N, C-alpha and C. Protein backbone atom coordinates (compact mmCIF):
# COMPACT_ATOMS: atom_id res chain seq x y z
N UNK A 1 87.53 66.15 99.75
CA UNK A 1 87.29 67.82 99.67
C UNK A 1 86.14 68.14 99.46
N UNK A 2 84.73 67.59 99.34
CA UNK A 2 83.66 68.17 98.80
C UNK A 2 83.11 68.25 100.35
N UNK A 3 83.44 67.54 101.68
CA UNK A 3 83.03 68.06 102.65
C UNK A 3 83.42 69.57 103.29
N UNK A 4 84.89 69.67 103.07
CA UNK A 4 85.17 71.14 103.11
C UNK A 4 84.63 71.80 102.79
N UNK A 5 84.22 71.69 101.52
CA UNK A 5 83.53 72.85 100.72
C UNK A 5 82.09 73.01 101.32
N UNK A 6 81.38 71.96 101.90
CA UNK A 6 79.97 71.89 102.35
C UNK A 6 80.50 72.46 103.75
N UNK A 7 81.33 72.59 104.31
CA UNK A 7 81.30 72.74 105.60
C UNK A 7 81.55 74.50 105.61
N UNK A 8 82.54 74.91 104.15
CA UNK A 8 82.71 76.59 104.31
C UNK A 8 81.56 77.31 103.80
N UNK A 9 80.82 76.44 103.27
CA UNK A 9 79.43 77.08 102.46
C UNK A 9 78.78 76.90 103.77
N UNK A 10 78.19 76.33 105.03
CA UNK A 10 77.27 76.35 106.12
C UNK A 10 78.59 77.48 106.79
N UNK A 11 79.47 77.33 106.85
CA UNK A 11 79.75 78.63 107.44
C UNK A 11 79.24 80.05 106.73
N UNK A 12 79.75 79.75 105.59
CA UNK A 12 79.18 81.32 105.35
C UNK A 12 77.69 81.57 105.31
N UNK A 13 76.79 80.76 105.71
CA UNK A 13 75.55 80.69 105.58
C UNK A 13 75.33 81.31 106.90
N UNK A 14 76.09 80.52 107.99
CA UNK A 14 76.02 81.17 108.97
C UNK A 14 76.35 82.81 109.47
N UNK A 15 77.57 82.98 109.00
CA UNK A 15 77.98 84.33 109.18
C UNK A 15 77.10 85.71 108.74
N UNK A 16 76.76 84.33 107.15
CA UNK A 16 75.34 85.92 106.72
C UNK A 16 74.40 86.22 107.57
N UNK A 17 74.40 85.01 108.59
CA UNK A 17 72.59 85.46 109.13
C UNK A 17 73.30 86.31 110.50
N UNK A 18 74.48 85.63 110.85
CA UNK A 18 75.08 86.62 111.81
C UNK A 18 75.06 88.19 111.44
N UNK A 19 75.30 88.81 110.26
CA UNK A 19 75.84 89.64 109.98
C UNK A 19 74.34 90.52 109.96
N UNK A 20 73.25 89.77 109.38
CA UNK A 20 71.89 90.25 108.93
C UNK A 20 71.22 90.44 109.83
N UNK A 21 71.78 89.75 111.04
CA UNK A 21 70.86 90.15 112.65
C UNK A 21 71.44 91.22 113.20
N UNK A 22 72.65 91.45 113.36
CA UNK A 22 73.41 92.52 113.67
C UNK A 22 72.93 93.62 113.07
N UNK A 23 72.59 93.82 112.00
CA UNK A 23 71.96 95.26 110.87
C UNK A 23 70.60 95.58 111.53
N UNK A 24 70.02 94.54 111.69
CA UNK A 24 68.68 94.82 111.89
C UNK A 24 68.27 95.99 112.43
N UNK A 25 69.00 96.60 113.68
CA UNK A 25 68.62 97.97 114.29
C UNK A 25 68.86 99.34 112.73
N UNK A 26 69.53 98.55 112.10
CA UNK A 26 69.58 99.54 110.85
C UNK A 26 68.95 99.76 109.22
N UNK A 27 67.98 98.95 109.53
CA UNK A 27 67.10 98.74 109.24
C UNK A 27 66.50 99.77 107.70
N UNK A 28 66.25 100.47 108.56
CA UNK A 28 65.79 101.99 107.46
C UNK A 28 66.91 102.41 106.79
N UNK A 29 67.98 102.80 107.05
CA UNK A 29 69.07 103.21 106.66
C UNK A 29 69.60 102.28 105.25
N UNK A 30 69.39 101.26 105.92
CA UNK A 30 69.71 100.12 104.50
C UNK A 30 68.66 99.93 103.43
N UNK A 31 67.13 100.21 103.57
CA UNK A 31 66.29 100.24 102.74
C UNK A 31 66.86 101.61 101.75
N UNK A 32 67.13 102.72 102.37
CA UNK A 32 67.48 104.06 101.66
C UNK A 32 68.66 103.27 101.09
N UNK A 33 69.69 102.83 101.24
CA UNK A 33 71.17 102.80 100.39
C UNK A 33 70.53 102.01 99.53
N UNK A 34 69.88 100.83 99.50
CA UNK A 34 69.24 99.79 98.53
C UNK A 34 68.23 100.13 97.64
N UNK A 35 67.88 101.10 98.16
CA UNK A 35 67.05 101.78 96.89
C UNK A 35 67.83 102.69 95.61
N UNK A 36 69.21 102.40 95.97
CA UNK A 36 70.31 103.04 94.79
C UNK A 36 70.50 101.80 94.13
N UNK A 37 70.56 101.93 92.53
CA UNK A 37 71.43 101.10 91.72
C UNK A 37 72.64 100.32 92.50
N UNK A 38 72.27 98.89 92.10
CA UNK A 38 73.77 98.33 91.96
C UNK A 38 74.35 98.05 93.75
N UNK A 39 73.63 98.89 94.64
CA UNK A 39 73.73 98.70 96.26
C UNK A 39 73.02 97.58 96.78
N UNK A 40 73.58 96.48 96.99
CA UNK A 40 73.13 95.15 97.78
C UNK A 40 72.73 95.43 99.64
N UNK A 41 72.52 94.59 100.20
CA UNK A 41 72.19 94.60 101.59
C UNK A 41 73.25 94.79 101.87
N UNK A 42 74.24 93.49 101.63
CA UNK A 42 75.69 93.75 102.23
C UNK A 42 76.50 94.74 102.10
N UNK A 43 76.43 95.61 100.68
CA UNK A 43 77.32 96.96 100.56
C UNK A 43 76.41 97.70 101.60
N UNK A 44 75.14 97.63 101.62
CA UNK A 44 74.57 98.64 102.69
C UNK A 44 75.38 98.72 103.70
N UNK A 45 75.22 97.79 104.42
CA UNK A 45 75.59 97.17 105.68
C UNK A 45 77.22 97.98 105.85
N UNK A 46 78.09 97.49 105.05
CA UNK A 46 79.30 97.77 104.95
C UNK A 46 79.39 99.21 104.90
N UNK A 47 78.67 100.19 103.99
CA UNK A 47 78.76 101.34 103.97
C UNK A 47 78.42 102.07 105.64
N UNK A 48 77.22 101.28 105.85
CA UNK A 48 76.94 101.86 107.44
C UNK A 48 78.23 101.61 108.55
N UNK A 49 78.49 100.59 108.31
CA UNK A 49 79.65 100.06 109.13
C UNK A 49 80.65 101.27 109.16
N UNK A 50 80.98 101.37 108.06
CA UNK A 50 82.09 102.41 107.65
C UNK A 50 81.69 103.67 108.04
N UNK A 51 80.56 104.54 107.44
CA UNK A 51 80.34 105.85 108.50
C UNK A 51 79.68 106.27 109.27
N UNK A 52 79.43 105.02 110.13
CA UNK A 52 78.93 105.02 111.47
C UNK A 52 77.14 105.85 111.54
N UNK A 53 77.20 107.24 111.66
CA UNK A 53 76.14 108.05 111.40
C UNK A 53 75.98 108.68 110.51
N UNK A 54 75.06 108.88 109.45
CA UNK A 54 74.77 109.43 108.64
C UNK A 54 74.20 110.94 108.66
N UNK A 55 73.93 111.46 109.86
CA UNK A 55 73.64 112.25 110.37
C UNK A 55 75.04 113.65 110.74
N UNK A 56 75.87 112.66 110.27
CA UNK A 56 77.31 113.89 110.41
C UNK A 56 77.59 114.51 109.23
N UNK A 57 76.57 114.23 107.85
CA UNK A 57 77.40 115.16 106.86
C UNK A 57 75.59 115.87 106.76
N UNK A 58 75.89 116.62 106.27
CA UNK A 58 75.07 117.84 105.76
C UNK A 58 74.42 117.55 104.82
N UNK A 59 74.61 116.96 104.01
CA UNK A 59 73.86 116.57 102.76
C UNK A 59 74.80 115.68 101.70
N UNK A 60 73.80 115.07 100.49
CA UNK A 60 74.32 114.15 99.99
C UNK A 60 75.78 114.71 99.37
N UNK A 61 75.99 115.76 98.98
CA UNK A 61 76.91 116.55 98.13
C UNK A 61 78.26 116.44 99.10
N UNK A 62 77.65 116.19 100.40
CA UNK A 62 79.12 116.10 101.47
C UNK A 62 79.30 114.62 102.07
N UNK A 63 78.20 113.88 101.60
CA UNK A 63 78.69 112.19 101.81
C UNK A 63 79.44 111.61 100.85
N UNK A 64 78.71 111.72 99.50
CA UNK A 64 79.41 111.05 98.28
C UNK A 64 81.24 111.20 98.39
N UNK A 65 81.69 112.23 98.67
CA UNK A 65 82.93 112.03 98.32
C UNK A 65 83.42 110.95 99.21
N UNK A 66 82.95 110.59 100.71
CA UNK A 66 83.05 109.58 101.40
C UNK A 66 83.10 108.12 101.17
N UNK A 67 82.23 108.11 99.93
CA UNK A 67 82.22 106.99 99.19
C UNK A 67 83.37 106.54 98.12
N UNK A 68 84.15 107.04 98.06
CA UNK A 68 85.41 107.50 97.04
C UNK A 68 85.34 106.49 95.65
N UNK A 69 84.02 106.42 95.21
CA UNK A 69 83.63 105.41 93.97
C UNK A 69 82.98 107.15 93.25
N UNK A 70 82.42 107.98 93.81
CA UNK A 70 81.70 109.66 93.26
C UNK A 70 82.64 110.39 92.89
N UNK A 71 82.31 110.87 91.51
CA UNK A 71 83.18 111.75 90.76
C UNK A 71 83.06 112.93 91.36
N UNK A 72 84.58 113.36 91.48
CA UNK A 72 84.58 114.77 92.04
C UNK A 72 85.45 115.57 90.92
N UNK A 73 85.50 116.92 91.60
CA UNK A 73 86.40 117.86 90.69
C UNK A 73 88.02 117.62 90.87
N UNK A 74 88.89 117.50 89.91
CA UNK A 74 90.42 117.40 90.22
C UNK A 74 90.61 118.66 91.39
N UNK A 75 91.94 118.58 92.02
CA UNK A 75 92.65 120.06 92.49
C UNK A 75 93.37 120.76 91.45
């Protein structure tokens, strides 16, 4: 069983390296997102992969509801 866990750990490490390499073109945007408390590099990458292009939002007020974790007014 330990061999399997070691292989899984190695696979996770390789996957993380591939994700970080693919995210290199977005490091500027990642730096902005990770400046917010609680946003890790991988969370920032997930946000970027979800929104594709931040420029499609007029401002932060229009962006935050997209995150689904920001408070918003009830209907």
